[in-house]
C-alpha atoms as a PDB file:
ATOM      1  CA  MET A   1      27.623 -54.040  13.557  1.00  0.00           C
ATOM      2  CA  ILE A   2      26.365 -57.130  11.787  1.00  0.00           C
ATOM      3  CA  VAL A   3      29.803 -59.218  11.742  1.00  0.00           C
ATOM      4  CA  SER A   4      30.575 -57.987  15.441  1.00  0.00           C
ATOM      5  CA  VAL A   5      26.833 -59.661  16.385  1.00  0.00           C
ATOM      6  CA  LEU A   6      27.277 -62.779  14.673  1.00  0.00           C
ATOM      7  CA  ARG A   7      31.278 -62.630  16.405  1.00  0.00           C
ATOM      8  CA  ARG A   8      28.932 -62.636  20.072  1.00  0.00           C
ATOM      9  CA  VAL A   9      26.539 -65.095  19.286  1.00  0.00           C
ATOM     10  CA  ARG A  10      29.319 -67.675  17.988  1.00  0.00           C
ATOM     11  CA  ARG A  11      31.050 -67.163  21.214  1.00  0.00           C
ATOM     12  CA  THR A  12      27.562 -67.448  23.189  1.00  0.00           C
ATOM     13  CA  VAL A  13      26.420 -70.699  21.252  1.00  0.00           C
ATOM     14  CA  PRO A  14      29.051 -72.656  23.227  1.00  0.00           C
ATOM     15  CA  THR A  15      28.473 -71.360  26.342  1.00  0.00           C
ATOM     16  CA  LEU A  16      24.642 -71.932  25.797  1.00  0.00           C
ATOM     17  CA  ALA A  17      25.066 -75.783  24.308  1.00  0.00           C
ATOM     18  CA  LEU A  18      27.115 -76.276  27.459  1.00  0.00           C
ATOM     19  CA  ALA A  19      24.643 -75.296  29.993  1.00  0.00           C
ATOM     20  CA  CYS A  20      22.247 -77.112  28.122  1.00  0.00           C
ATOM     21  CA  ALA A  21      23.881 -80.639  28.376  1.00  0.00           C
ATOM     22  CA  ALA A  22      24.889 -79.873  31.945  1.00  0.00           C
ATOM     23  CA  ALA A  23      21.205 -79.426  32.771  1.00  0.00           C
ATOM     24  CA  LEU A  24      19.839 -82.734  30.992  1.00  0.00           C
ATOM     25  CA  ALA A  25      22.512 -84.620  32.609  1.00  0.00           C
ATOM     26  CA  LEU A  26      21.071 -83.162  36.040  1.00  0.00           C
ATOM     27  CA  PRO A  27      18.645 -85.482  36.333  1.00  0.00           C
ATOM     28  CA  LEU A  28      20.558 -88.431  35.306  1.00  0.00           C
ATOM     29  CA  GLN A  29      22.925 -88.091  38.115  1.00  0.00           C
ATOM     30  CA  ALA A  30      20.512 -87.807  40.457  1.00  0.00           C
ATOM     31  CA  GLU A  31      19.354 -91.331  39.468  1.00  0.00           C
ATOM     32  CA  GLU A  32      23.122 -92.499  39.183  1.00  0.00           C
ATOM     33  CA  ALA A  33      23.575 -91.153  43.062  1.00  0.00           C
ATOM     34  CA  ALA A  34      20.241 -92.370  44.339  1.00  0.00           C
ATOM     35  CA  ALA A  35      20.891 -96.092  42.434  1.00  0.00           C
ATOM     36  CA  VAL A  36      24.256 -96.113  44.608  1.00  0.00           C
ATOM     37  CA  ARG A  37      22.537 -95.078  47.989  1.00  0.00           C
ATOM     38  CA  PRO A  38      20.837 -97.750  49.683  1.00  0.00           C
ATOM     39  CA  LYS A  39      17.156 -97.897  49.775  1.00  0.00           C
ATOM     40  CA  ALA A  40      15.693 -95.531  52.640  1.00  0.00           C
ATOM     41  CA  ASP A  41      14.062 -97.741  55.292  1.00  0.00           C
ATOM     42  CA  ALA A  42      10.853 -96.473  56.550  1.00  0.00           C
ATOM     43  CA  ALA A  43      10.739 -99.375  59.412  1.00  0.00           C
ATOM     44  CA  LYS A  44      13.807 -97.738  60.878  1.00  0.00           C
ATOM     45  CA  GLY A  45      12.477 -94.332  60.574  1.00  0.00           C
ATOM     46  CA  GLN A  46       9.407 -95.253  62.172  1.00  0.00           C
ATOM     47  CA  ALA A  47      12.085 -95.973  65.473  1.00  0.00           C
ATOM     48  CA  ILE A  48      13.738 -93.059  65.413  1.00  0.00           C
ATOM     49  CA  ALA A  49      10.955 -90.792  65.167  1.00  0.00           C
ATOM     50  CA  SER A  50       9.092 -92.908  68.220  1.00  0.00           C
ATOM     51  CA  ALA A  51      11.788 -92.216  70.168  1.00  0.00           C
ATOM     52  CA  VAL A  52      12.883 -88.790  69.439  1.00  0.00           C
ATOM     53  CA  CYS A  53      10.298 -87.004  66.788  1.00  0.00           C
ATOM     54  CA  ALA A  54       7.302 -87.731  68.868  1.00  0.00           C
ATOM     55  CA  ALA A  55       7.056 -85.319  71.540  1.00  0.00           C
ATOM     56  CA  CYS A  56       7.275 -82.555  69.301  1.00  0.00           C
ATOM     57  CA  HIS A  57       5.855 -83.931  65.955  1.00  0.00           C
ATOM     58  CA  ASN A  58       4.098 -87.260  67.146  1.00  0.00           C
ATOM     59  CA  ALA A  59       4.872 -90.263  66.217  1.00  0.00           C
ATOM     60  CA  ASP A  60       3.316 -90.436  62.287  1.00  0.00           C
ATOM     61  CA  GLY A  61       4.037 -86.607  61.878  1.00  0.00           C
ATOM     62  CA  ASN A  62       0.324 -85.694  62.281  1.00  0.00           C
ATOM     63  CA  SER A  63       1.719 -82.750  65.418  1.00  0.00           C
ATOM     64  CA  VAL A  64      -0.911 -81.028  67.131  1.00  0.00           C
ATOM     65  CA  ILE A  65       1.286 -78.463  68.628  1.00  0.00           C
ATOM     66  CA  PRO A  66       0.623 -75.343  66.166  1.00  0.00           C
ATOM     67  CA  VAL A  67       4.178 -74.015  66.012  1.00  0.00           C
ATOM     68  CA  ASN A  68       5.598 -77.669  65.330  1.00  0.00           C
ATOM     69  CA  PRO A  69       5.146 -78.356  61.580  1.00  0.00           C
ATOM     70  CA  ARG A  70       3.220 -81.559  60.234  1.00  0.00           C
ATOM     71  CA  LEU A  71       5.527 -83.488  58.620  1.00  0.00           C
ATOM     72  CA  ALA A  72       3.076 -86.677  57.406  1.00  0.00           C
ATOM     73  CA  GLY A  73       2.736 -86.946  53.689  1.00  0.00           C
ATOM     74  CA  LEU A  74       5.834 -84.733  52.871  1.00  0.00           C
ATOM     75  CA  PRO A  75       7.878 -85.417  50.129  1.00  0.00           C
ATOM     76  CA  ALA A  76      10.529 -87.391  51.427  1.00  0.00           C
ATOM     77  CA  GLU A  77      12.831 -85.581  49.392  1.00  0.00           C
ATOM     78  CA  TYR A  78      12.256 -82.471  50.948  1.00  0.00           C
ATOM     79  CA  ILE A  79      12.072 -83.642  54.859  1.00  0.00           C
ATOM     80  CA  TYR A  80      15.709 -85.287  53.942  1.00  0.00           C
ATOM     81  CA  LYS A  81      17.074 -81.938  52.316  1.00  0.00           C
ATOM     82  CA  GLN A  82      15.233 -79.871  55.529  1.00  0.00           C
ATOM     83  CA  LEU A  83      17.094 -82.626  57.855  1.00  0.00           C
ATOM     84  CA  VAL A  84      20.789 -81.922  56.275  1.00  0.00           C
ATOM     85  CA  ASP A  85      20.275 -78.134  56.285  1.00  0.00           C
ATOM     86  CA  LEU A  86      19.265 -77.428  60.290  1.00  0.00           C
ATOM     87  CA  ALA A  87      22.479 -79.668  60.738  1.00  0.00           C
ATOM     88  CA  ARG A  88      24.752 -77.429  58.719  1.00  0.00           C
ATOM     89  CA  LYS A  89      27.396 -75.462  60.372  1.00  0.00           C
ATOM     90  CA  PRO A  90      26.585 -71.633  61.630  1.00  0.00           C
ATOM     91  CA  ASP A  91      28.759 -69.951  58.343  1.00  0.00           C
ATOM     92  CA  ASP A  92      26.978 -72.375  55.798  1.00  0.00           C
ATOM     93  CA  SER A  93      25.069 -70.012  53.727  1.00  0.00           C
ATOM     94  CA  GLN A  94      22.260 -72.753  53.115  1.00  0.00           C
ATOM     95  CA  ARG A  95      22.259 -73.213  56.789  1.00  0.00           C
ATOM     96  CA  ARG A  96      18.336 -73.014  58.304  1.00  0.00           C
ATOM     97  CA  GLU A  97      18.428 -71.984  61.540  1.00  0.00           C
ATOM     98  CA  ASN A  98      16.999 -73.325  64.254  1.00  0.00           C
ATOM     99  CA  ALA A  99      18.372 -74.191  67.335  1.00  0.00           C
ATOM    100  CA  VAL A 100      16.449 -77.134  68.961  1.00  0.00           C
ATOM    101  CA  MET A 101      15.757 -78.965  65.687  1.00  0.00           C
ATOM    102  CA  GLY A 102      19.780 -77.765  64.632  1.00  0.00           C
ATOM    103  CA  ALA A 103      20.792 -80.041  67.557  1.00  0.00           C
ATOM    104  CA  PHE A 104      18.764 -83.780  66.605  1.00  0.00           C
ATOM    105  CA  ALA A 105      19.279 -83.249  63.150  1.00  0.00           C
ATOM    106  CA  SER A 106      22.985 -83.146  63.541  1.00  0.00           C
ATOM    107  CA  GLN A 107      22.933 -86.170  65.805  1.00  0.00           C
ATOM    108  CA  LEU A 108      21.494 -88.289  62.967  1.00  0.00           C
ATOM    109  CA  SER A 109      23.392 -90.192  60.199  1.00  0.00           C
ATOM    110  CA  ASP A 110      22.765 -89.380  56.429  1.00  0.00           C
ATOM    111  CA  ASP A 111      20.975 -92.926  56.510  1.00  0.00           C
ATOM    112  CA  ASP A 112      18.550 -91.869  59.549  1.00  0.00           C
ATOM    113  CA  ARG A 113      17.741 -88.833  57.728  1.00  0.00           C
ATOM    114  CA  ARG A 114      16.825 -90.648  55.072  1.00  0.00           C
ATOM    115  CA  ASN A 115      14.953 -93.355  57.081  1.00  0.00           C
ATOM    116  CA  VAL A 116      13.227 -90.520  58.825  1.00  0.00           C
ATOM    117  CA  ALA A 117      12.091 -88.801  56.141  1.00  0.00           C
ATOM    118  CA  ALA A 118      10.624 -92.103  54.305  1.00  0.00           C
ATOM    119  CA  TRP A 119       8.543 -92.611  57.160  1.00  0.00           C
ATOM    120  CA  PHE A 120       7.043 -89.467  57.744  1.00  0.00           C
ATOM    121  CA  SER A 121       6.367 -89.328  54.100  1.00  0.00           C
ATOM    122  CA  SER A 122       4.742 -92.656  54.134  1.00  0.00           C
ATOM    123  CA  GLN A 123       2.006 -91.632  56.483  1.00  0.00           C
ATOM    124  CA  THR A 124      -1.234 -90.078  55.773  1.00  0.00           C
ATOM    125  CA  PRO A 125      -2.083 -86.901  56.945  1.00  0.00           C
ATOM    126  CA  LYS A 126      -4.902 -85.583  58.625  1.00  0.00           C
ATOM    127  CA  PRO A 127      -6.728 -82.968  57.654  1.00  0.00           C
ATOM    128  CA  GLY A 128      -6.391 -79.008  59.187  1.00  0.00           C
ATOM    129  CA  VAL A 129      -8.918 -76.412  59.519  1.00  0.00           C
ATOM    130  CA  ALA A 130      -8.971 -72.584  58.640  1.00  0.00           C
ATOM    131  CA  GLN A 131      -9.381 -70.602  62.135  1.00  0.00           C
ATOM    132  CA  SER A 132     -10.566 -67.683  60.184  1.00  0.00           C
ATOM    133  CA  LYS A 133     -13.083 -67.416  57.118  1.00  0.00           C
ATOM    134  CA  GLU A 134     -12.567 -63.920  55.872  1.00  0.00           C
ATOM    135  CA  GLU A 135      -8.374 -64.587  55.987  1.00  0.00           C
ATOM    136  CA  ALA A 136      -8.968 -67.656  54.457  1.00  0.00           C
ATOM    137  CA  GLU A 137     -11.359 -66.220  51.919  1.00  0.00           C
ATOM    138  CA  ALA A 138      -8.391 -63.242  51.084  1.00  0.00           C
ATOM    139  CA  GLY A 139      -5.958 -65.792  51.537  1.00  0.00           C
ATOM    140  CA  ALA A 140      -7.641 -68.180  48.699  1.00  0.00           C
ATOM    141  CA  ARG A 141      -7.156 -65.143  46.172  1.00  0.00           C
ATOM    142  CA  LEU A 142      -3.495 -64.674  46.769  1.00  0.00           C
ATOM    143  CA  TYR A 143      -3.071 -68.419  46.480  1.00  0.00           C
ATOM    144  CA  ARG A 144      -4.627 -68.803  43.243  1.00  0.00           C
ATOM    145  CA  THR A 145      -3.466 -65.701  41.505  1.00  0.00           C
ATOM    146  CA  GLY A 146      -0.694 -63.797  43.451  1.00  0.00           C
ATOM    147  CA  VAL A 147      -0.057 -60.330  43.260  1.00  0.00           C
ATOM    148  CA  PRO A 148       1.521 -59.564  39.942  1.00  0.00           C
ATOM    149  CA  GLU A 149       2.060 -55.545  40.542  1.00  0.00           C
ATOM    150  CA  ARG A 150       4.464 -56.510  42.947  1.00  0.00           C
ATOM    151  CA  ALA A 151       5.692 -59.751  41.328  1.00  0.00           C
ATOM    152  CA  VAL A 152       4.023 -62.251  44.019  1.00  0.00           C
ATOM    153  CA  PRO A 153       3.723 -65.498  41.844  1.00  0.00           C
ATOM    154  CA  ALA A 154       0.755 -67.220  42.661  1.00  0.00           C
ATOM    155  CA  CYS A 155       1.197 -70.335  45.949  1.00  0.00           C
ATOM    156  CA  ALA A 156      -0.703 -72.530  43.327  1.00  0.00           C
ATOM    157  CA  GLY A 157       1.888 -72.730  40.300  1.00  0.00           C
ATOM    158  CA  CYS A 158       4.588 -74.670  42.449  1.00  0.00           C
ATOM    159  CA  HIS A 159       2.440 -76.167  45.355  1.00  0.00           C
ATOM    160  CA  GLY A 160      -0.887 -77.058  43.344  1.00  0.00           C
ATOM    161  CA  PRO A 161      -4.162 -75.851  43.414  1.00  0.00           C
ATOM    162  CA  THR A 162      -5.244 -78.240  46.200  1.00  0.00           C
ATOM    163  CA  GLY A 163      -1.874 -77.546  48.123  1.00  0.00           C
ATOM    164  CA  ALA A 164      -0.424 -81.163  47.492  1.00  0.00           C
ATOM    165  CA  GLY A 165       2.915 -79.559  46.735  1.00  0.00           C
ATOM    166  CA  LEU A 166       5.583 -80.901  44.117  1.00  0.00           C
ATOM    167  CA  PRO A 167       7.816 -84.137  45.363  1.00  0.00           C
ATOM    168  CA  VAL A 168      11.605 -82.671  45.810  1.00  0.00           C
ATOM    169  CA  VAL A 169      11.034 -79.131  45.714  1.00  0.00           C
ATOM    170  CA  TYR A 170       7.930 -77.791  46.626  1.00  0.00           C
ATOM    171  CA  PRO A 171       6.367 -79.129  49.644  1.00  0.00           C
ATOM    172  CA  ARG A 172       2.429 -79.759  50.943  1.00  0.00           C
ATOM    173  CA  LEU A 173       0.991 -77.065  52.330  1.00  0.00           C
ATOM    174  CA  ALA A 174      -2.883 -78.583  52.873  1.00  0.00           C
ATOM    175  CA  GLY A 175      -3.824 -78.941  56.263  1.00  0.00           C
ATOM    176  CA  GLN A 176      -0.349 -77.647  57.858  1.00  0.00           C
ATOM    177  CA  HIS A 177      -0.514 -75.510  61.052  1.00  0.00           C
ATOM    178  CA  PRO A 178      -1.798 -72.100  60.465  1.00  0.00           C
ATOM    179  CA  ASP A 179       1.192 -70.850  63.113  1.00  0.00           C
ATOM    180  CA  TYR A 180       3.855 -72.533  61.697  1.00  0.00           C
ATOM    181  CA  ALA A 181       3.062 -71.703  57.855  1.00  0.00           C
ATOM    182  CA  GLU A 182       2.981 -68.534  59.090  1.00  0.00           C
ATOM    183  CA  ALA A 183       6.157 -68.054  61.384  1.00  0.00           C
ATOM    184  CA  GLN A 184       7.856 -69.912  58.449  1.00  0.00           C
ATOM    185  CA  LEU A 185       6.739 -66.831  55.788  1.00  0.00           C
ATOM    186  CA  LYS A 186       8.106 -64.211  58.181  1.00  0.00           C
ATOM    187  CA  ALA A 187      11.511 -66.467  58.452  1.00  0.00           C
ATOM    188  CA  PHE A 188      12.063 -66.207  55.055  1.00  0.00           C
ATOM    189  CA  ARG A 189      11.192 -62.277  54.837  1.00  0.00           C
ATOM    190  CA  ASP A 190      13.430 -61.784  57.760  1.00  0.00           C
ATOM    191  CA  GLY A 191      16.391 -64.165  56.604  1.00  0.00           C
ATOM    192  CA  THR A 192      16.618 -66.352  59.576  1.00  0.00           C
ATOM    193  CA  ARG A 193      15.493 -69.270  56.930  1.00  0.00           C
ATOM    194  CA  ARG A 194      17.488 -68.820  53.896  1.00  0.00           C
ATOM    195  CA  ASN A 195      17.748 -72.295  52.479  1.00  0.00           C
ATOM    196  CA  TYR A 196      15.354 -71.606  49.720  1.00  0.00           C
ATOM    197  CA  ALA A 197      16.023 -68.015  47.731  1.00  0.00           C
ATOM    198  CA  PRO A 198      13.072 -68.145  45.552  1.00  0.00           C
ATOM    199  CA  MET A 199      10.787 -68.611  48.505  1.00  0.00           C
ATOM    200  CA  SER A 200      12.639 -65.262  50.335  1.00  0.00           C
ATOM    201  CA  ALA A 201      11.918 -63.102  47.715  1.00  0.00           C
ATOM    202  CA  ILE A 202       8.288 -64.148  47.544  1.00  0.00           C
ATOM    203  CA  ALA A 203       8.073 -63.411  51.481  1.00  0.00           C
ATOM    204  CA  ALA A 204       9.778 -60.179  51.334  1.00  0.00           C
ATOM    205  CA  ARG A 205       7.059 -58.689  48.915  1.00  0.00           C
ATOM    206  CA  LEU A 206       4.364 -59.991  51.478  1.00  0.00           C
ATOM    207  CA  SER A 207       2.863 -57.741  53.806  1.00  0.00           C
ATOM    208  CA  GLU A 208       2.085 -59.496  57.345  1.00  0.00           C
ATOM    209  CA  GLY A 209      -1.614 -59.326  56.763  1.00  0.00           C
ATOM    210  CA  GLU A 210      -0.773 -61.223  53.011  1.00  0.00           C
ATOM    211  CA  MET A 211       0.827 -63.740  55.048  1.00  0.00           C
ATOM    212  CA  LYS A 212      -1.822 -64.838  57.735  1.00  0.00           C
ATOM    213  CA  ALA A 213      -4.196 -64.833  55.545  1.00  0.00           C
ATOM    214  CA  LEU A 214      -2.230 -67.417  53.132  1.00  0.00           C
ATOM    215  CA  SER A 215      -1.432 -69.198  56.293  1.00  0.00           C
ATOM    216  CA  GLN A 216      -5.065 -70.016  57.167  1.00  0.00           C
ATOM    217  CA  TYR A 217      -6.236 -70.948  53.621  1.00  0.00           C
ATOM    218  CA  VAL A 218      -3.554 -73.220  53.006  1.00  0.00           C
ATOM    219  CA  SER A 219      -4.820 -74.927  56.653  1.00  0.00           C
ATOM    220  CA  GLY A 220      -7.851 -75.562  55.631  1.00  0.00           C
ATOM    221  CA  LEU A 221      -6.719 -77.210  51.713  1.00  0.00           C
ATOM    222  CA  ARG A 222      -7.901 -80.663  50.835  1.00  0.00           C
ATOM    223  CA  ALA A 223      -5.133 -82.756  48.696  1.00  0.00           C
ATOM    224  CA  GLN A 224      -4.952 -86.412  48.174  1.00  0.00           C
END
């Protein structure tokens, strides 16, 4: 038995080593790719935002329409990824479904997407306000501790205690419209938004009441 275990270990170690080496190479590859791309031009992004995006998101990304997200202050990498996913072909498993935004995003060049993302990311987000104190208080508990018995992690673990988010992967939640935030949780749960598998799994374990409570809480968060 010991011999067979050792053989399995010897077979596994090279595979693990290769996997670790590949993981360590990812940041370097990302840096090299970024060096090849021209630097995003926020001024060009402003021109596009004013002409195309302002009607729904405001020219500075501080949408006043509850169902349209506030984009100001979101990480540029995150905004860019959403534009790419919205423009994907219908049969692409990473496609983000939204007929209106899909039409807009597909008309933008890759540079346009980066420029728009740079513009909105550079804007100062305006604070939001929770509409329900009771729901916000319930949402605070969920946000900070999650629901361990249902394998729901604390939102603060990824999005930060103040909802500031983490560039590239996790978006800013502080001040987001509660209607929009709730709609996205439902979309992740229902599979109509499938461009980030971990959120789909988490949303599937939340009740609609919990989604509403979390959405109310994050709308009132203040992040620098």
